[in-house]
């Protein structure tokens, strides 16, 4: 089975809602200011949806050799978290450094890496469960694939005419 582009987009939005709430809560506790926490969380809505969409599409291209299941979900969660953590650290550093609201007086880079470090744990856990729900319970947007009559060629492309039959 392959995910449609629409499924990847909707899945990305559902994940971003969960991720944004987590980011705002963590950022508030680290920075001590609601304004910075909301700014970090809301900025990530844009960057993370875009990054997640491309992450999903890359997994459609390269992840098809792995069977669906817990192992694939864990590897996918880790690859996403590396991408997401780097984005979080960069955005947090920029917002903490250039934001006007005062709060925690720790160095901006220390705060940004603390936010990213905490998220490393919370987001991997949350993403794993999100992935399991989408793979096991939500079948909408899954497209069956049939290969052309090219034998066992791994580079075969889907035959759209066969899908219509």
N, C-alpha and C. Protein backbone atom coordinates (compact mmCIF):
# COMPACT_ATOMS: atom_id res chain seq x y z
N UNK A 1 0.84 -1.19 0.00
CA UNK A 1 0.00 0.00 0.00
C UNK A 1 0.88 1.24 0.00
N UNK A 2 0.36 2.27 -0.60
CA UNK A 2 1.06 3.55 -0.68
C UNK A 2 0.10 4.64 -0.18
N UNK A 3 0.66 5.66 0.47
CA UNK A 3 -0.16 6.77 0.95
C UNK A 3 -0.36 7.79 -0.16
N UNK A 4 -1.58 8.31 -0.26
CA UNK A 4 -1.85 9.39 -1.21
C UNK A 4 -1.23 10.68 -0.68
N UNK A 5 -1.07 11.65 -1.56
CA UNK A 5 -0.53 12.95 -1.14
C UNK A 5 -1.46 13.61 -0.12
N UNK A 6 -2.76 13.46 -0.31
CA UNK A 6 -3.73 14.06 0.62
C UNK A 6 -3.61 13.43 2.00
N UNK A 7 -3.45 12.11 2.04
CA UNK A 7 -3.27 11.43 3.33
C UNK A 7 -2.02 11.96 4.04
N UNK A 8 -0.92 12.11 3.30
CA UNK A 8 0.31 12.63 3.91
C UNK A 8 0.09 14.03 4.47
N UNK A 9 -0.65 14.86 3.74
CA UNK A 9 -0.93 16.22 4.21
C UNK A 9 -1.79 16.22 5.47
N UNK A 10 -2.87 15.45 5.47
CA UNK A 10 -3.77 15.40 6.63
C UNK A 10 -3.05 14.78 7.83
N UNK A 11 -2.26 13.76 7.58
CA UNK A 11 -1.48 13.14 8.65
C UNK A 11 -0.49 14.15 9.23
N UNK A 12 0.12 14.95 8.38
CA UNK A 12 1.04 15.98 8.83
C UNK A 12 0.35 17.03 9.69
N UNK A 13 -0.86 17.42 9.31
CA UNK A 13 -1.61 18.41 10.08
C UNK A 13 -2.00 17.84 11.44
N UNK A 14 -2.47 16.59 11.47
CA UNK A 14 -2.86 15.99 12.75
C UNK A 14 -1.66 15.86 13.69
N UNK A 15 -0.51 15.49 13.12
CA UNK A 15 0.70 15.41 13.95
C UNK A 15 1.10 16.79 14.45
N UNK A 16 0.99 17.80 13.59
CA UNK A 16 1.43 19.14 13.98
C UNK A 16 0.60 19.69 15.12
N UNK A 17 -0.69 19.38 15.18
CA UNK A 17 -1.53 19.84 16.30
C UNK A 17 -0.98 19.26 17.61
N UNK A 18 -0.71 17.97 17.62
CA UNK A 18 -0.15 17.32 18.81
C UNK A 18 1.23 17.90 19.13
N UNK A 19 2.07 18.02 18.12
CA UNK A 19 3.43 18.52 18.31
C UNK A 19 3.47 19.96 18.79
N UNK A 20 2.56 20.79 18.28
CA UNK A 20 2.53 22.20 18.68
C UNK A 20 2.15 22.36 20.15
N UNK A 21 1.17 21.61 20.59
CA UNK A 21 0.78 21.66 22.00
C UNK A 21 1.95 21.26 22.89
N UNK A 22 2.64 20.19 22.51
CA UNK A 22 3.81 19.74 23.26
C UNK A 22 4.90 20.81 23.28
N UNK A 23 5.19 21.41 22.13
CA UNK A 23 6.22 22.44 22.04
C UNK A 23 5.89 23.65 22.91
N UNK A 24 4.66 24.10 22.87
CA UNK A 24 4.25 25.26 23.67
C UNK A 24 4.42 24.99 25.16
N UNK A 25 4.00 23.81 25.59
CA UNK A 25 4.12 23.47 27.02
C UNK A 25 5.58 23.43 27.45
N UNK A 26 6.41 22.74 26.67
CA UNK A 26 7.84 22.65 27.01
C UNK A 26 8.49 24.03 26.97
N UNK A 27 8.21 24.81 25.92
CA UNK A 27 8.81 26.14 25.78
C UNK A 27 8.42 27.06 26.92
N UNK A 28 7.19 26.95 27.38
CA UNK A 28 6.74 27.78 28.50
C UNK A 28 7.55 27.46 29.76
N UNK A 29 7.71 26.17 30.05
CA UNK A 29 8.46 25.80 31.25
C UNK A 29 9.94 26.18 31.16
N UNK A 30 10.51 26.13 29.97
CA UNK A 30 11.93 26.46 29.81
C UNK A 30 12.17 27.96 29.79
N UNK A 31 11.36 28.70 29.03
CA UNK A 31 11.60 30.15 28.89
C UNK A 31 10.96 30.96 30.02
N UNK A 32 9.90 30.44 30.58
CA UNK A 32 9.20 31.17 31.64
C UNK A 32 8.26 32.24 31.10
N UNK A 33 8.09 32.30 29.79
CA UNK A 33 7.19 33.31 29.22
C UNK A 33 6.23 32.66 28.24
N UNK A 34 4.96 32.99 28.40
CA UNK A 34 3.94 32.44 27.51
C UNK A 34 4.09 32.99 26.09
N UNK A 35 4.48 34.25 25.97
CA UNK A 35 4.64 34.87 24.66
C UNK A 35 5.67 34.15 23.80
N UNK A 36 6.83 33.89 24.37
CA UNK A 36 7.87 33.17 23.62
C UNK A 36 7.43 31.75 23.32
N UNK A 37 6.79 31.11 24.28
CA UNK A 37 6.32 29.73 24.07
C UNK A 37 5.32 29.67 22.91
N UNK A 38 4.37 30.61 22.88
CA UNK A 38 3.39 30.63 21.79
C UNK A 38 4.04 30.97 20.46
N UNK A 39 5.00 31.88 20.47
CA UNK A 39 5.69 32.25 19.23
C UNK A 39 6.48 31.06 18.68
N UNK A 40 7.18 30.36 19.55
CA UNK A 40 7.93 29.17 19.12
C UNK A 40 6.96 28.13 18.55
N UNK A 41 5.90 27.85 19.28
CA UNK A 41 4.92 26.85 18.84
C UNK A 41 4.24 27.21 17.53
N UNK A 42 3.83 28.46 17.39
CA UNK A 42 3.12 28.88 16.18
C UNK A 42 4.04 28.96 14.96
N UNK A 43 5.30 29.32 15.18
CA UNK A 43 6.25 29.35 14.07
C UNK A 43 6.50 27.93 13.57
N UNK A 44 6.58 27.01 14.50
CA UNK A 44 6.81 25.61 14.12
C UNK A 44 5.64 25.01 13.34
N UNK A 45 4.46 25.54 13.52
CA UNK A 45 3.32 25.03 12.74
C UNK A 45 3.66 25.07 11.25
N UNK A 46 4.21 26.16 10.82
CA UNK A 46 4.53 26.32 9.39
C UNK A 46 5.72 25.45 9.00
N UNK A 47 6.82 25.58 9.71
CA UNK A 47 8.03 24.86 9.31
C UNK A 47 7.87 23.34 9.45
N UNK A 48 7.21 22.90 10.49
CA UNK A 48 7.10 21.47 10.71
C UNK A 48 6.11 20.79 9.76
N UNK A 49 5.04 21.45 9.37
CA UNK A 49 4.13 20.85 8.39
C UNK A 49 4.86 20.64 7.07
N UNK A 50 5.62 21.63 6.66
CA UNK A 50 6.38 21.51 5.40
C UNK A 50 7.41 20.39 5.53
N UNK A 51 8.18 20.40 6.61
CA UNK A 51 9.20 19.37 6.80
C UNK A 51 8.58 17.97 6.92
N UNK A 52 7.45 17.86 7.63
CA UNK A 52 6.80 16.56 7.80
C UNK A 52 6.28 16.02 6.48
N UNK A 53 5.71 16.87 5.67
CA UNK A 53 5.21 16.44 4.36
C UNK A 53 6.36 15.82 3.54
N UNK A 54 7.48 16.52 3.47
CA UNK A 54 8.61 15.99 2.71
C UNK A 54 9.19 14.73 3.36
N UNK A 55 9.15 14.65 4.68
CA UNK A 55 9.59 13.44 5.38
C UNK A 55 8.70 12.25 4.98
N UNK A 56 7.40 12.46 4.97
CA UNK A 56 6.46 11.41 4.57
C UNK A 56 6.70 10.97 3.12
N UNK A 57 6.91 11.94 2.24
CA UNK A 57 7.12 11.60 0.82
C UNK A 57 8.43 10.82 0.65
N UNK A 58 9.48 11.20 1.37
CA UNK A 58 10.74 10.45 1.30
C UNK A 58 10.56 9.02 1.80
N UNK A 59 9.75 8.85 2.85
CA UNK A 59 9.48 7.50 3.34
C UNK A 59 8.68 6.70 2.32
N UNK A 60 7.83 7.36 1.54
CA UNK A 60 7.11 6.65 0.48
C UNK A 60 8.08 6.14 -0.58
N UNK A 61 9.13 6.91 -0.84
CA UNK A 61 10.11 6.53 -1.86
C UNK A 61 11.07 5.46 -1.33
N UNK A 62 11.62 5.69 -0.14
CA UNK A 62 12.68 4.82 0.36
C UNK A 62 12.23 3.81 1.40
N UNK A 63 11.08 4.00 2.02
CA UNK A 63 10.64 3.12 3.10
C UNK A 63 9.81 1.94 2.66
N UNK A 64 9.52 1.83 1.37
CA UNK A 64 8.64 0.76 0.89
C UNK A 64 9.24 -0.64 1.05
N UNK A 65 10.54 -0.73 1.21
CA UNK A 65 11.20 -2.03 1.35
C UNK A 65 11.01 -2.62 2.74
N UNK A 66 10.59 -1.79 3.68
CA UNK A 66 10.35 -2.26 5.04
C UNK A 66 8.87 -2.58 5.20
N UNK A 67 8.55 -3.67 5.89
CA UNK A 67 7.15 -3.99 6.12
C UNK A 67 6.60 -3.06 7.21
N UNK A 68 5.29 -2.83 7.14
CA UNK A 68 4.64 -1.99 8.15
C UNK A 68 4.76 -2.67 9.50
N UNK A 69 4.93 -1.92 10.53
CA UNK A 69 5.00 -2.48 11.86
C UNK A 69 5.79 -1.61 12.81
N UNK A 70 6.02 -2.15 13.99
CA UNK A 70 6.67 -1.39 15.05
C UNK A 70 8.09 -0.97 14.69
N UNK A 71 8.87 -1.85 14.07
CA UNK A 71 10.26 -1.52 13.73
C UNK A 71 10.30 -0.34 12.77
N UNK A 72 9.47 -0.36 11.75
CA UNK A 72 9.43 0.74 10.79
C UNK A 72 8.98 2.03 11.47
N UNK A 73 7.99 1.93 12.34
CA UNK A 73 7.49 3.11 13.04
C UNK A 73 8.57 3.73 13.92
N UNK A 74 9.37 2.89 14.58
CA UNK A 74 10.44 3.40 15.44
C UNK A 74 11.51 4.10 14.61
N UNK A 75 11.94 3.47 13.53
CA UNK A 75 12.97 4.07 12.67
C UNK A 75 12.46 5.38 12.06
N UNK A 76 11.22 5.37 11.63
CA UNK A 76 10.62 6.58 11.04
C UNK A 76 10.50 7.68 12.09
N UNK A 77 10.14 7.32 13.31
CA UNK A 77 10.03 8.30 14.39
C UNK A 77 11.38 8.94 14.70
N UNK A 78 12.42 8.13 14.70
CA UNK A 78 13.76 8.66 14.99
C UNK A 78 14.23 9.58 13.87
N UNK A 79 14.02 9.18 12.61
CA UNK A 79 14.45 10.04 11.50
C UNK A 79 13.69 11.36 11.50
N UNK A 80 12.41 11.31 11.84
CA UNK A 80 11.65 12.56 11.92
C UNK A 80 12.12 13.40 13.09
N UNK A 81 12.41 12.75 14.22
CA UNK A 81 12.79 13.53 15.40
C UNK A 81 14.11 14.25 15.21
N UNK A 82 15.05 13.66 14.49
CA UNK A 82 16.30 14.36 14.20
C UNK A 82 16.00 15.64 13.43
N UNK A 83 15.18 15.53 12.41
CA UNK A 83 14.80 16.70 11.60
C UNK A 83 14.06 17.72 12.47
N UNK A 84 13.08 17.25 13.22
CA UNK A 84 12.28 18.14 14.05
C UNK A 84 13.06 18.81 15.16
N UNK A 85 13.98 18.09 15.77
CA UNK A 85 14.79 18.67 16.86
C UNK A 85 15.69 19.78 16.35
N UNK A 86 16.31 19.56 15.21
CA UNK A 86 17.16 20.62 14.64
C UNK A 86 16.34 21.86 14.32
N UNK A 87 15.14 21.67 13.80
CA UNK A 87 14.24 22.80 13.51
C UNK A 87 13.86 23.51 14.81
N UNK A 88 13.51 22.76 15.84
CA UNK A 88 13.12 23.33 17.13
C UNK A 88 14.26 24.15 17.74
N UNK A 89 15.45 23.59 17.74
CA UNK A 89 16.59 24.30 18.33
C UNK A 89 16.85 25.60 17.59
N UNK A 90 16.86 25.55 16.27
CA UNK A 90 17.10 26.76 15.47
C UNK A 90 16.03 27.82 15.70
N UNK A 91 14.76 27.44 15.59
CA UNK A 91 13.68 28.42 15.78
C UNK A 91 13.66 28.97 17.20
N UNK A 92 13.83 28.10 18.19
CA UNK A 92 13.82 28.54 19.58
C UNK A 92 14.95 29.53 19.84
N UNK A 93 16.12 29.23 19.35
CA UNK A 93 17.26 30.13 19.53
C UNK A 93 16.96 31.50 18.92
N UNK A 94 16.44 31.52 17.71
CA UNK A 94 16.14 32.79 17.04
C UNK A 94 15.08 33.59 17.80
N UNK A 95 14.03 32.92 18.23
CA UNK A 95 12.93 33.61 18.92
C UNK A 95 13.36 34.08 20.31
N UNK A 96 14.09 33.25 21.03
CA UNK A 96 14.58 33.64 22.37
C UNK A 96 15.58 34.79 22.25
N UNK A 97 16.46 34.72 21.27
CA UNK A 97 17.49 35.74 21.09
C UNK A 97 16.91 37.08 20.68
N UNK A 98 16.01 37.07 19.73
CA UNK A 98 15.51 38.32 19.15
C UNK A 98 14.14 38.75 19.67
N UNK A 99 13.53 37.94 20.53
CA UNK A 99 12.24 38.32 21.11
C UNK A 99 12.42 39.39 22.17
N UNK A 100 11.39 40.20 22.37
CA UNK A 100 11.50 41.31 23.31
C UNK A 100 11.05 40.94 24.72
N UNK A 101 10.31 39.87 24.87
CA UNK A 101 9.78 39.48 26.18
C UNK A 101 10.89 38.88 27.04
N UNK A 102 10.95 39.31 28.29
CA UNK A 102 11.97 38.77 29.20
C UNK A 102 11.39 37.60 29.98
N UNK A 103 12.24 36.74 30.46
CA UNK A 103 11.82 35.57 31.23
C UNK A 103 13.05 34.93 31.83
N UNK A 104 13.25 33.68 31.55
CA UNK A 104 14.42 32.95 32.01
C UNK A 104 15.67 33.67 31.50
N UNK A 105 16.63 33.89 32.38
CA UNK A 105 17.83 34.65 32.01
C UNK A 105 18.97 33.75 31.51
N UNK A 106 18.72 32.46 31.37
CA UNK A 106 19.76 31.56 30.86
C UNK A 106 20.08 31.94 29.41
N UNK A 107 21.26 31.57 28.97
CA UNK A 107 21.70 31.87 27.60
C UNK A 107 20.70 31.29 26.60
N UNK A 108 20.37 32.05 25.55
CA UNK A 108 19.39 31.58 24.56
C UNK A 108 19.71 30.20 23.96
N UNK A 109 20.99 29.93 23.70
CA UNK A 109 21.34 28.63 23.13
C UNK A 109 21.08 27.51 24.13
N UNK A 110 21.33 27.78 25.41
CA UNK A 110 21.06 26.78 26.45
C UNK A 110 19.56 26.49 26.54
N UNK A 111 18.76 27.54 26.47
CA UNK A 111 17.31 27.34 26.50
C UNK A 111 16.83 26.58 25.26
N UNK A 112 17.35 26.96 24.09
CA UNK A 112 16.94 26.32 22.84
C UNK A 112 17.30 24.83 22.84
N UNK A 113 18.51 24.50 23.29
CA UNK A 113 18.91 23.09 23.32
C UNK A 113 18.16 22.31 24.40
N UNK A 114 17.78 22.98 25.47
CA UNK A 114 16.96 22.32 26.49
C UNK A 114 15.59 21.98 25.93
N UNK A 115 14.98 22.93 25.23
CA UNK A 115 13.68 22.67 24.59
C UNK A 115 13.82 21.50 23.62
N UNK A 116 14.84 21.56 22.76
CA UNK A 116 15.07 20.48 21.80
C UNK A 116 15.35 19.15 22.47
N UNK A 117 16.10 19.16 23.55
CA UNK A 117 16.43 17.93 24.26
C UNK A 117 15.22 17.28 24.90
N UNK A 118 14.38 18.08 25.53
CA UNK A 118 13.16 17.53 26.14
C UNK A 118 12.25 16.97 25.05
N UNK A 119 12.14 17.72 23.95
CA UNK A 119 11.30 17.25 22.84
C UNK A 119 11.80 15.95 22.25
N UNK A 120 13.08 15.73 22.31
CA UNK A 120 13.64 14.49 21.78
C UNK A 120 12.93 13.29 22.40
N UNK A 121 12.64 13.39 23.68
CA UNK A 121 11.97 12.29 24.39
C UNK A 121 10.46 12.32 24.16
N UNK A 122 9.85 13.48 24.40
CA UNK A 122 8.39 13.53 24.30
C UNK A 122 7.90 13.31 22.87
N UNK A 123 8.59 13.87 21.90
CA UNK A 123 8.11 13.75 20.52
C UNK A 123 8.30 12.35 19.94
N UNK A 124 9.39 11.67 20.28
CA UNK A 124 9.55 10.30 19.78
C UNK A 124 8.40 9.44 20.30
N UNK A 125 8.08 9.59 21.56
CA UNK A 125 6.99 8.82 22.15
C UNK A 125 5.65 9.16 21.50
N UNK A 126 5.36 10.44 21.41
CA UNK A 126 4.09 10.86 20.81
C UNK A 126 4.00 10.47 19.34
N UNK A 127 5.09 10.64 18.59
CA UNK A 127 5.09 10.31 17.17
C UNK A 127 4.89 8.81 16.95
N UNK A 128 5.51 7.98 17.77
CA UNK A 128 5.35 6.54 17.65
C UNK A 128 3.87 6.16 17.75
N UNK A 129 3.18 6.69 18.75
CA UNK A 129 1.76 6.37 18.91
C UNK A 129 0.92 6.96 17.77
N UNK A 130 1.28 8.16 17.31
CA UNK A 130 0.59 8.77 16.18
C UNK A 130 0.73 7.89 14.94
N UNK A 131 1.92 7.40 14.68
CA UNK A 131 2.19 6.54 13.53
C UNK A 131 1.42 5.22 13.63
N UNK A 132 1.37 4.64 14.81
CA UNK A 132 0.63 3.40 15.00
C UNK A 132 -0.87 3.59 14.75
N UNK A 133 -1.41 4.68 15.24
CA UNK A 133 -2.83 4.96 15.01
C UNK A 133 -3.11 5.10 13.52
N UNK A 134 -2.28 5.87 12.80
CA UNK A 134 -2.49 6.06 11.37
C UNK A 134 -2.30 4.76 10.59
N UNK A 135 -1.38 3.92 10.99
CA UNK A 135 -1.15 2.67 10.25
C UNK A 135 -2.17 1.59 10.56
N UNK A 136 -2.66 1.54 11.78
CA UNK A 136 -3.55 0.45 12.19
C UNK A 136 -5.03 0.81 12.14
N UNK A 137 -5.37 2.05 12.42
CA UNK A 137 -6.78 2.40 12.55
C UNK A 137 -7.33 3.24 11.40
N UNK A 138 -6.50 4.05 10.79
CA UNK A 138 -6.99 4.97 9.75
C UNK A 138 -6.55 4.45 8.39
N UNK A 139 -7.49 3.90 7.65
CA UNK A 139 -7.18 3.31 6.33
C UNK A 139 -7.41 4.28 5.19
N UNK A 140 -8.06 5.39 5.47
CA UNK A 140 -8.36 6.39 4.44
C UNK A 140 -7.07 6.88 3.78
N UNK A 141 -7.09 7.00 2.45
CA UNK A 141 -5.96 7.55 1.72
C UNK A 141 -4.88 6.54 1.37
N UNK A 142 -5.11 5.27 1.66
CA UNK A 142 -4.14 4.21 1.28
C UNK A 142 -4.50 3.74 -0.12
N UNK A 143 -3.50 3.66 -0.98
CA UNK A 143 -3.71 3.30 -2.38
C UNK A 143 -2.98 1.99 -2.67
N UNK A 144 -3.70 0.99 -3.20
CA UNK A 144 -3.01 -0.25 -3.56
C UNK A 144 -2.13 -0.04 -4.77
N UNK A 145 -1.04 -0.80 -4.83
CA UNK A 145 -0.10 -0.69 -5.94
C UNK A 145 0.00 -2.04 -6.63
N UNK A 146 -0.11 -2.02 -7.95
CA UNK A 146 0.17 -3.20 -8.76
C UNK A 146 1.27 -2.82 -9.72
N UNK A 147 2.16 -3.75 -9.98
CA UNK A 147 3.29 -3.46 -10.85
C UNK A 147 2.97 -3.86 -12.28
N UNK A 148 3.62 -3.18 -13.23
CA UNK A 148 3.52 -3.57 -14.64
C UNK A 148 4.04 -4.99 -14.80
N UNK A 149 3.82 -5.56 -15.91
CA UNK A 149 4.32 -6.90 -16.19
C UNK A 149 5.81 -6.85 -16.48
N UNK A 150 6.58 -6.46 -15.50
CA UNK A 150 8.03 -6.36 -15.66
C UNK A 150 8.75 -7.39 -14.80
N UNK A 151 8.05 -8.43 -14.44
CA UNK A 151 8.68 -9.47 -13.63
C UNK A 151 8.92 -8.97 -12.22
N UNK A 152 10.07 -9.31 -11.68
CA UNK A 152 10.42 -8.92 -10.31
C UNK A 152 11.27 -7.67 -10.26
N UNK A 153 11.18 -6.85 -11.28
CA UNK A 153 11.97 -5.62 -11.34
C UNK A 153 11.58 -4.70 -10.20
N UNK A 154 12.51 -4.39 -9.31
CA UNK A 154 12.22 -3.52 -8.17
C UNK A 154 11.98 -2.08 -8.59
N UNK A 155 12.39 -1.73 -9.79
CA UNK A 155 12.21 -0.36 -10.27
C UNK A 155 10.92 -0.19 -11.06
N UNK A 156 10.06 -1.21 -11.02
CA UNK A 156 8.81 -1.13 -11.77
C UNK A 156 7.94 -0.01 -11.22
N UNK A 157 7.18 0.61 -12.08
CA UNK A 157 6.32 1.71 -11.67
C UNK A 157 4.88 1.21 -11.58
N UNK A 158 4.04 1.87 -10.78
CA UNK A 158 2.66 1.44 -10.67
C UNK A 158 1.96 1.56 -12.02
N UNK A 159 1.12 0.59 -12.31
CA UNK A 159 0.34 0.60 -13.54
C UNK A 159 -1.05 1.12 -13.21
N UNK A 160 -1.32 2.34 -13.53
CA UNK A 160 -2.58 2.98 -13.19
C UNK A 160 -3.74 2.34 -13.93
N UNK A 161 -3.50 1.80 -15.13
CA UNK A 161 -4.57 1.13 -15.88
C UNK A 161 -5.03 -0.13 -15.14
N UNK A 162 -4.11 -0.87 -14.54
CA UNK A 162 -4.48 -2.08 -13.80
C UNK A 162 -5.28 -1.74 -12.55
N UNK A 163 -5.00 -0.57 -11.96
CA UNK A 163 -5.72 -0.19 -10.74
C UNK A 163 -7.20 0.03 -11.03
N UNK A 164 -7.51 0.45 -12.26
CA UNK A 164 -8.90 0.72 -12.63
C UNK A 164 -9.70 -0.56 -12.82
N UNK A 165 -9.03 -1.68 -13.12
CA UNK A 165 -9.73 -2.95 -13.37
C UNK A 165 -10.30 -3.56 -12.13
